[in-house]
Amino acid sequence: MFVPFLLALSTAITTVYGKKNISYALWAILLVVILLTFNHHATSTLNLSF
């Protein structure tokens, strides 16, 4: 769970310093990592009994 936050911080820092191409690349990588994390955690059903 540390990687998405590190990528988000890196993206914000590169955006502040005006590194446009690197910022777009990091944003795309961040999007892929978040989607993969969501897919990993949201694919199984919860076994709840109320």
Protein backbone atom coordinates (compact mmCIF):
# COMPACT_ATOMS: atom_id res chain seq x y z
CA MET A 1 0.00 0.00 0.00
CA PHE A 2 3.02 2.28 0.12
CA VAL A 3 3.62 2.36 -3.64
CA PRO A 4 0.49 4.35 -4.67
CA PHE A 5 1.23 7.03 -2.08
CA LEU A 6 4.87 7.24 -3.12
CA LEU A 7 3.85 7.54 -6.77
CA ALA A 8 1.28 10.23 -5.91
CA LEU A 9 3.91 12.20 -3.99
CA SER A 10 6.40 11.84 -6.85
CA THR A 11 3.76 12.97 -9.33
CA ALA A 12 2.92 16.02 -7.23
CA ILE A 13 6.58 16.95 -6.83
CA THR A 14 7.31 16.64 -10.55
CA THR A 15 4.21 18.71 -11.31
CA VAL A 16 5.34 21.48 -8.95
CA TYR A 17 8.79 21.56 -10.55
CA GLY A 18 7.31 21.71 -14.05
CA LYS A 19 8.49 18.33 -15.34
CA LYS A 20 5.46 17.85 -17.57
CA ASN A 21 6.40 14.63 -19.39
CA ILE A 22 7.62 12.83 -16.28
CA SER A 23 4.51 13.97 -14.43
CA TYR A 24 2.22 12.49 -17.09
CA ALA A 25 4.15 9.22 -17.08
CA LEU A 26 4.02 8.94 -13.29
CA TRP A 27 0.30 9.76 -13.33
CA ALA A 28 -0.32 6.96 -15.84
CA ILE A 29 1.71 4.50 -13.75
CA LEU A 30 -0.18 5.61 -10.64
CA LEU A 31 -3.50 5.00 -12.39
CA VAL A 32 -2.45 1.49 -13.41
CA VAL A 33 -1.21 0.66 -9.90
CA ILE A 34 -4.45 1.91 -8.32
CA LEU A 35 -6.60 -0.04 -10.78
CA LEU A 36 -4.58 -3.22 -10.22
CA THR A 37 -4.83 -2.77 -6.46
CA PHE A 38 -8.58 -2.25 -6.71
CA ASN A 39 -8.94 -5.31 -8.94
CA HIS A 40 -6.93 -7.39 -6.49
CA HIS A 41 -9.01 -6.37 -3.48
CA ALA A 42 -12.48 -6.09 -5.04
CA THR A 43 -12.75 -9.34 -6.99
CA SER A 44 -13.78 -11.66 -4.17
CA THR A 45 -17.12 -11.55 -2.42
CA LEU A 46 -17.43 -10.95 1.27
CA ASN A 47 -18.83 -13.77 3.36
CA LEU A 48 -21.11 -11.75 5.63
CA SER A 49 -23.91 -13.13 7.73
CA PHE A 50 -26.29 -10.81 9.56
